Amino acid sequence: MSKNLKRIDDIVKILDEKKAEEIQVFDMRGRDYFVDYVIISTTMGDRHALSLTDELKERLKLLGENFLGIESSDDWVVCDLGDILIHLLSAEFRAKYNIEELLDKLKQVKSQ
């Protein structure tokens, strides 16, 4: 398994263990996007998002990950690992902004 796929697996495992829902991974390599991978998951609320963020920071730093930044509001958290973005979204915010559709469109445009 490549290093990047191991990193993605580690992130997905942490999110799954901590009850994040609807986890999706988007491989954006070779696309017109600023990161290689995007991981999106749904949280059960702002406290759950904070708990997920803390768990990711704690466990991924032990694996050598470097967090370049973390931005958050009541409805979302974005963790920037440089080549990977992790979006933790409330169900309402995820439905409203539908980031998956944007990423799918970008993937289709580049593959044509």
N, C-alpha and C. Protein backbone atom coordinates (compact mmCIF):
# COMPACT_ATOMS: atom_id res chain seq x y z
N MET A 1 0.85 -1.18 0.00
CA MET A 1 0.00 0.00 0.00
C MET A 1 0.90 1.24 0.00
N SER A 2 0.56 2.20 -0.85
CA SER A 2 1.36 3.42 -0.92
C SER A 2 1.21 4.23 0.37
N LYS A 3 2.15 5.12 0.60
CA LYS A 3 2.13 5.96 1.80
C LYS A 3 0.85 6.79 1.88
N ASN A 4 0.44 7.38 0.74
CA ASN A 4 -0.76 8.21 0.74
C ASN A 4 -2.01 7.39 1.04
N LEU A 5 -2.11 6.19 0.47
CA LEU A 5 -3.29 5.37 0.74
C LEU A 5 -3.31 4.93 2.21
N LYS A 6 -2.16 4.70 2.79
CA LYS A 6 -2.08 4.35 4.22
C LYS A 6 -2.56 5.54 5.05
N ARG A 7 -2.16 6.74 4.67
CA ARG A 7 -2.60 7.95 5.37
C ARG A 7 -4.12 8.09 5.30
N ILE A 8 -4.66 7.90 4.10
CA ILE A 8 -6.11 7.99 3.90
C ILE A 8 -6.81 6.93 4.76
N ASP A 9 -6.31 5.70 4.72
CA ASP A 9 -6.87 4.61 5.54
C ASP A 9 -6.87 4.98 7.02
N ASP A 10 -5.76 5.55 7.50
CA ASP A 10 -5.67 5.93 8.91
C ASP A 10 -6.73 6.97 9.27
N ILE A 11 -6.91 7.96 8.41
CA ILE A 11 -7.90 9.01 8.66
C ILE A 11 -9.31 8.43 8.66
N VAL A 12 -9.63 7.63 7.67
CA VAL A 12 -10.97 7.03 7.57
C VAL A 12 -11.23 6.14 8.79
N LYS A 13 -10.23 5.39 9.21
CA LYS A 13 -10.39 4.51 10.37
C LYS A 13 -10.72 5.32 11.62
N ILE A 14 -10.00 6.40 11.84
CA ILE A 14 -10.26 7.24 13.01
C ILE A 14 -11.67 7.81 12.95
N LEU A 15 -12.06 8.34 11.80
CA LEU A 15 -13.41 8.90 11.65
C LEU A 15 -14.47 7.84 11.90
N ASP A 16 -14.26 6.66 11.35
CA ASP A 16 -15.23 5.57 11.51
C ASP A 16 -15.33 5.12 12.97
N GLU A 17 -14.19 4.97 13.62
CA GLU A 17 -14.18 4.56 15.03
C GLU A 17 -14.90 5.55 15.92
N LYS A 18 -14.85 6.81 15.56
CA LYS A 18 -15.46 7.87 16.36
C LYS A 18 -16.85 8.26 15.86
N LYS A 19 -17.43 7.38 15.07
CA LYS A 19 -18.84 7.50 14.65
C LYS A 19 -19.16 8.62 13.67
N ALA A 20 -18.17 9.06 12.89
CA ALA A 20 -18.48 9.97 11.79
C ALA A 20 -19.33 9.17 10.79
N GLU A 21 -20.19 9.85 10.07
CA GLU A 21 -21.10 9.18 9.15
C GLU A 21 -20.81 9.56 7.71
N GLU A 22 -21.23 8.70 6.79
CA GLU A 22 -21.15 8.97 5.35
C GLU A 22 -19.76 9.46 4.93
N ILE A 23 -18.75 8.71 5.31
CA ILE A 23 -17.36 9.08 4.99
C ILE A 23 -17.10 8.81 3.52
N GLN A 24 -16.62 9.82 2.82
CA GLN A 24 -16.29 9.69 1.41
C GLN A 24 -14.88 10.21 1.16
N VAL A 25 -14.16 9.54 0.28
CA VAL A 25 -12.81 9.95 -0.10
C VAL A 25 -12.82 10.29 -1.58
N PHE A 26 -12.27 11.43 -1.93
CA PHE A 26 -12.17 11.87 -3.31
C PHE A 26 -10.70 11.98 -3.69
N ASP A 27 -10.30 11.23 -4.71
CA ASP A 27 -8.94 11.28 -5.24
C ASP A 27 -8.92 12.37 -6.30
N MET A 28 -8.27 13.48 -5.99
CA MET A 28 -8.27 14.63 -6.89
C MET A 28 -6.93 14.78 -7.60
N ARG A 29 -6.07 13.79 -7.50
CA ARG A 29 -4.78 13.86 -8.19
C ARG A 29 -5.02 13.98 -9.69
N GLY A 30 -4.25 14.82 -10.34
CA GLY A 30 -4.38 15.01 -11.77
C GLY A 30 -5.58 15.85 -12.17
N ARG A 31 -6.28 16.38 -11.19
CA ARG A 31 -7.44 17.23 -11.45
C ARG A 31 -7.03 18.68 -11.20
N ASP A 32 -7.87 19.58 -11.60
CA ASP A 32 -7.60 21.00 -11.39
C ASP A 32 -8.08 21.40 -9.99
N TYR A 33 -7.38 20.87 -8.97
CA TYR A 33 -7.77 21.13 -7.59
C TYR A 33 -6.50 21.30 -6.77
N PHE A 34 -6.57 21.97 -5.66
CA PHE A 34 -5.37 22.36 -4.92
C PHE A 34 -4.85 21.33 -3.92
N VAL A 35 -5.56 20.20 -3.74
CA VAL A 35 -5.07 19.11 -2.90
C VAL A 35 -5.22 17.80 -3.66
N ASP A 36 -4.53 16.78 -3.21
CA ASP A 36 -4.60 15.46 -3.86
C ASP A 36 -5.82 14.66 -3.42
N TYR A 37 -6.21 14.80 -2.15
CA TYR A 37 -7.32 14.03 -1.61
C TYR A 37 -8.22 14.91 -0.77
N VAL A 38 -9.52 14.63 -0.84
CA VAL A 38 -10.50 15.29 0.01
C VAL A 38 -11.30 14.20 0.71
N ILE A 39 -11.42 14.32 2.01
CA ILE A 39 -12.22 13.38 2.80
C ILE A 39 -13.36 14.19 3.42
N ILE A 40 -14.58 13.70 3.22
CA ILE A 40 -15.76 14.39 3.74
C ILE A 40 -16.52 13.42 4.64
N SER A 41 -16.96 13.90 5.78
CA SER A 41 -17.81 13.08 6.64
C SER A 41 -18.83 13.96 7.34
N THR A 42 -19.90 13.33 7.77
CA THR A 42 -20.98 14.01 8.48
C THR A 42 -20.81 13.80 9.97
N THR A 43 -21.00 14.87 10.73
CA THR A 43 -20.92 14.80 12.19
C THR A 43 -22.33 14.80 12.78
N MET A 44 -22.39 14.46 14.06
CA MET A 44 -23.67 14.46 14.77
C MET A 44 -23.90 15.76 15.52
N GLY A 45 -23.15 16.80 15.18
CA GLY A 45 -23.31 18.09 15.84
C GLY A 45 -21.97 18.72 16.14
N ASP A 46 -21.99 19.95 16.66
CA ASP A 46 -20.75 20.69 16.86
C ASP A 46 -19.84 20.05 17.89
N ARG A 47 -20.38 19.48 18.95
CA ARG A 47 -19.54 18.79 19.95
C ARG A 47 -18.86 17.57 19.35
N HIS A 48 -19.58 16.85 18.51
CA HIS A 48 -19.01 15.68 17.83
C HIS A 48 -17.90 16.12 16.89
N ALA A 49 -18.11 17.21 16.18
CA ALA A 49 -17.08 17.73 15.26
C ALA A 49 -15.81 18.09 16.04
N LEU A 50 -15.96 18.74 17.18
CA LEU A 50 -14.80 19.09 18.00
C LEU A 50 -14.08 17.85 18.51
N SER A 51 -14.85 16.86 18.92
CA SER A 51 -14.27 15.60 19.39
C SER A 51 -13.51 14.89 18.27
N LEU A 52 -14.10 14.87 17.08
CA LEU A 52 -13.42 14.26 15.92
C LEU A 52 -12.13 15.00 15.60
N THR A 53 -12.18 16.31 15.63
CA THR A 53 -11.00 17.12 15.34
C THR A 53 -9.89 16.83 16.34
N ASP A 54 -10.23 16.81 17.62
CA ASP A 54 -9.24 16.52 18.66
C ASP A 54 -8.63 15.13 18.47
N GLU A 55 -9.47 14.16 18.16
CA GLU A 55 -8.98 12.79 17.95
C GLU A 55 -8.06 12.71 16.74
N LEU A 56 -8.44 13.37 15.65
CA LEU A 56 -7.59 13.39 14.46
C LEU A 56 -6.25 14.03 14.77
N LYS A 57 -6.27 15.18 15.44
CA LYS A 57 -5.01 15.87 15.77
C LYS A 57 -4.12 14.98 16.62
N GLU A 58 -4.68 14.41 17.65
CA GLU A 58 -3.89 13.60 18.58
C GLU A 58 -3.30 12.36 17.90
N ARG A 59 -4.14 11.61 17.21
CA ARG A 59 -3.68 10.35 16.64
C ARG A 59 -2.84 10.52 15.38
N LEU A 60 -3.18 11.50 14.54
CA LEU A 60 -2.41 11.69 13.31
C LEU A 60 -1.05 12.31 13.57
N LYS A 61 -0.95 13.16 14.58
CA LYS A 61 0.36 13.72 14.91
C LYS A 61 1.32 12.62 15.36
N LEU A 62 0.79 11.61 16.05
CA LEU A 62 1.62 10.46 16.45
C LEU A 62 2.13 9.70 15.23
N LEU A 63 1.41 9.80 14.12
CA LEU A 63 1.80 9.13 12.87
C LEU A 63 2.64 10.04 11.98
N GLY A 64 2.99 11.22 12.48
CA GLY A 64 3.86 12.11 11.73
C GLY A 64 3.15 13.12 10.84
N GLU A 65 1.84 13.21 10.95
CA GLU A 65 1.11 14.18 10.14
C GLU A 65 1.32 15.59 10.68
N ASN A 66 1.34 16.55 9.77
CA ASN A 66 1.51 17.94 10.12
C ASN A 66 0.25 18.71 9.71
N PHE A 67 -0.45 19.26 10.68
CA PHE A 67 -1.64 20.05 10.39
C PHE A 67 -1.21 21.47 10.04
N LEU A 68 -1.52 21.89 8.81
CA LEU A 68 -1.17 23.24 8.39
C LEU A 68 -2.17 24.26 8.90
N GLY A 69 -3.40 23.81 9.12
CA GLY A 69 -4.43 24.70 9.62
C GLY A 69 -5.72 23.97 9.90
N ILE A 70 -6.50 24.55 10.78
CA ILE A 70 -7.84 24.04 11.07
C ILE A 70 -8.76 25.25 11.14
N GLU A 71 -9.80 25.23 10.32
CA GLU A 71 -10.81 26.28 10.33
C GLU A 71 -12.13 25.65 10.76
N SER A 72 -12.95 26.40 11.51
CA SER A 72 -14.21 25.81 11.96
C SER A 72 -15.28 26.86 12.20
N SER A 73 -16.51 26.36 12.21
CA SER A 73 -17.68 27.14 12.60
C SER A 73 -18.59 26.17 13.35
N ASP A 74 -19.82 26.57 13.62
CA ASP A 74 -20.75 25.66 14.29
C ASP A 74 -21.15 24.48 13.41
N ASP A 75 -21.05 24.64 12.07
CA ASP A 75 -21.54 23.62 11.14
C ASP A 75 -20.46 22.84 10.43
N TRP A 76 -19.20 23.25 10.54
CA TRP A 76 -18.16 22.56 9.79
C TRP A 76 -16.78 22.76 10.41
N VAL A 77 -15.91 21.82 10.09
CA VAL A 77 -14.49 21.92 10.42
C VAL A 77 -13.73 21.48 9.18
N VAL A 78 -12.67 22.19 8.83
CA VAL A 78 -11.79 21.78 7.75
C VAL A 78 -10.38 21.67 8.32
N CYS A 79 -9.79 20.48 8.16
CA CYS A 79 -8.41 20.24 8.58
C CYS A 79 -7.56 20.16 7.32
N ASP A 80 -6.52 20.99 7.27
CA ASP A 80 -5.62 21.06 6.11
C ASP A 80 -4.32 20.36 6.45
N LEU A 81 -4.05 19.26 5.75
CA LEU A 81 -2.81 18.52 5.92
C LEU A 81 -1.85 18.78 4.76
N GLY A 82 -2.11 19.80 3.98
CA GLY A 82 -1.26 20.13 2.84
C GLY A 82 -1.75 19.51 1.56
N ASP A 83 -1.67 18.19 1.46
CA ASP A 83 -2.15 17.49 0.27
C ASP A 83 -3.47 16.78 0.51
N ILE A 84 -3.99 16.86 1.74
CA ILE A 84 -5.27 16.24 2.09
C ILE A 84 -6.10 17.27 2.86
N LEU A 85 -7.37 17.40 2.47
CA LEU A 85 -8.33 18.21 3.23
C LEU A 85 -9.34 17.27 3.86
N ILE A 86 -9.64 17.50 5.13
CA ILE A 86 -10.66 16.72 5.82
C ILE A 86 -11.80 17.67 6.18
N HIS A 87 -12.99 17.40 5.63
CA HIS A 87 -14.18 18.20 5.93
C HIS A 87 -15.06 17.42 6.90
N LEU A 88 -15.38 18.02 8.03
CA LEU A 88 -16.31 17.45 9.00
C LEU A 88 -17.52 18.38 9.02
N LEU A 89 -18.65 17.90 8.51
CA LEU A 89 -19.80 18.77 8.27
C LEU A 89 -21.05 18.28 9.00
N SER A 90 -21.85 19.22 9.48
CA SER A 90 -23.18 18.86 9.98
C SER A 90 -23.99 18.34 8.79
N ALA A 91 -25.00 17.55 9.07
CA ALA A 91 -25.84 17.00 8.00
C ALA A 91 -26.49 18.13 7.19
N GLU A 92 -26.93 19.17 7.87
CA GLU A 92 -27.59 20.28 7.20
C GLU A 92 -26.62 21.02 6.28
N PHE A 93 -25.43 21.30 6.78
CA PHE A 93 -24.43 22.01 5.99
C PHE A 93 -23.98 21.18 4.80
N ARG A 94 -23.81 19.88 5.03
CA ARG A 94 -23.38 19.00 3.94
C ARG A 94 -24.43 18.95 2.84
N ALA A 95 -25.69 18.87 3.22
CA ALA A 95 -26.77 18.84 2.23
C ALA A 95 -26.86 20.18 1.49
N LYS A 96 -26.70 21.27 2.22
CA LYS A 96 -26.84 22.60 1.62
C LYS A 96 -25.75 22.89 0.59
N TYR A 97 -24.51 22.57 0.92
CA TYR A 97 -23.40 22.95 0.05
C TYR A 97 -22.93 21.86 -0.89
N ASN A 98 -23.28 20.63 -0.64
CA ASN A 98 -23.06 19.51 -1.55
C ASN A 98 -21.67 19.55 -2.21
N ILE A 99 -20.65 19.55 -1.39
CA ILE A 99 -19.27 19.60 -1.88
C ILE A 99 -18.96 18.41 -2.79
N GLU A 100 -19.58 17.28 -2.51
CA GLU A 100 -19.35 16.08 -3.32
C GLU A 100 -19.66 16.32 -4.79
N GLU A 101 -20.74 17.04 -5.05
CA GLU A 101 -21.13 17.31 -6.44
C GLU A 101 -20.06 18.15 -7.14
N LEU A 102 -19.55 19.16 -6.47
CA LEU A 102 -18.48 19.99 -7.03
C LEU A 102 -17.25 19.14 -7.35
N LEU A 103 -16.84 18.30 -6.41
CA LEU A 103 -15.66 17.46 -6.62
C LEU A 103 -15.88 16.47 -7.76
N ASP A 104 -17.07 15.87 -7.81
CA ASP A 104 -17.39 14.95 -8.92
C ASP A 104 -17.32 15.66 -10.27
N LYS A 105 -17.84 16.89 -10.34
CA LYS A 105 -17.80 17.65 -11.59
C LYS A 105 -16.36 17.95 -12.00
N LEU A 106 -15.54 18.32 -11.05
CA LEU A 106 -14.13 18.59 -11.35
C LEU A 106 -13.43 17.34 -11.88
N LYS A 107 -13.77 16.20 -11.31
CA LYS A 107 -13.16 14.95 -11.75
C LYS A 107 -13.60 14.62 -13.18
N GLN A 108 -14.87 14.85 -13.50
CA GLN A 108 -15.39 14.55 -14.83
C GLN A 108 -14.80 15.48 -15.88
N VAL A 109 -14.68 16.76 -15.56
CA VAL A 109 -14.16 17.73 -16.53
C VAL A 109 -12.73 17.35 -16.93
N LYS A 110 -11.93 16.98 -15.97
CA LYS A 110 -10.52 16.67 -16.24
C LYS A 110 -10.38 15.33 -16.96
N SER A 111 -11.32 14.41 -16.77
CA SER A 111 -11.19 13.09 -17.39
C SER A 111 -11.72 13.05 -18.82
N GLN A 112 -12.35 14.14 -19.28
CA GLN A 112 -12.89 14.17 -20.64
C GLN A 112 -11.83 14.52 -21.65
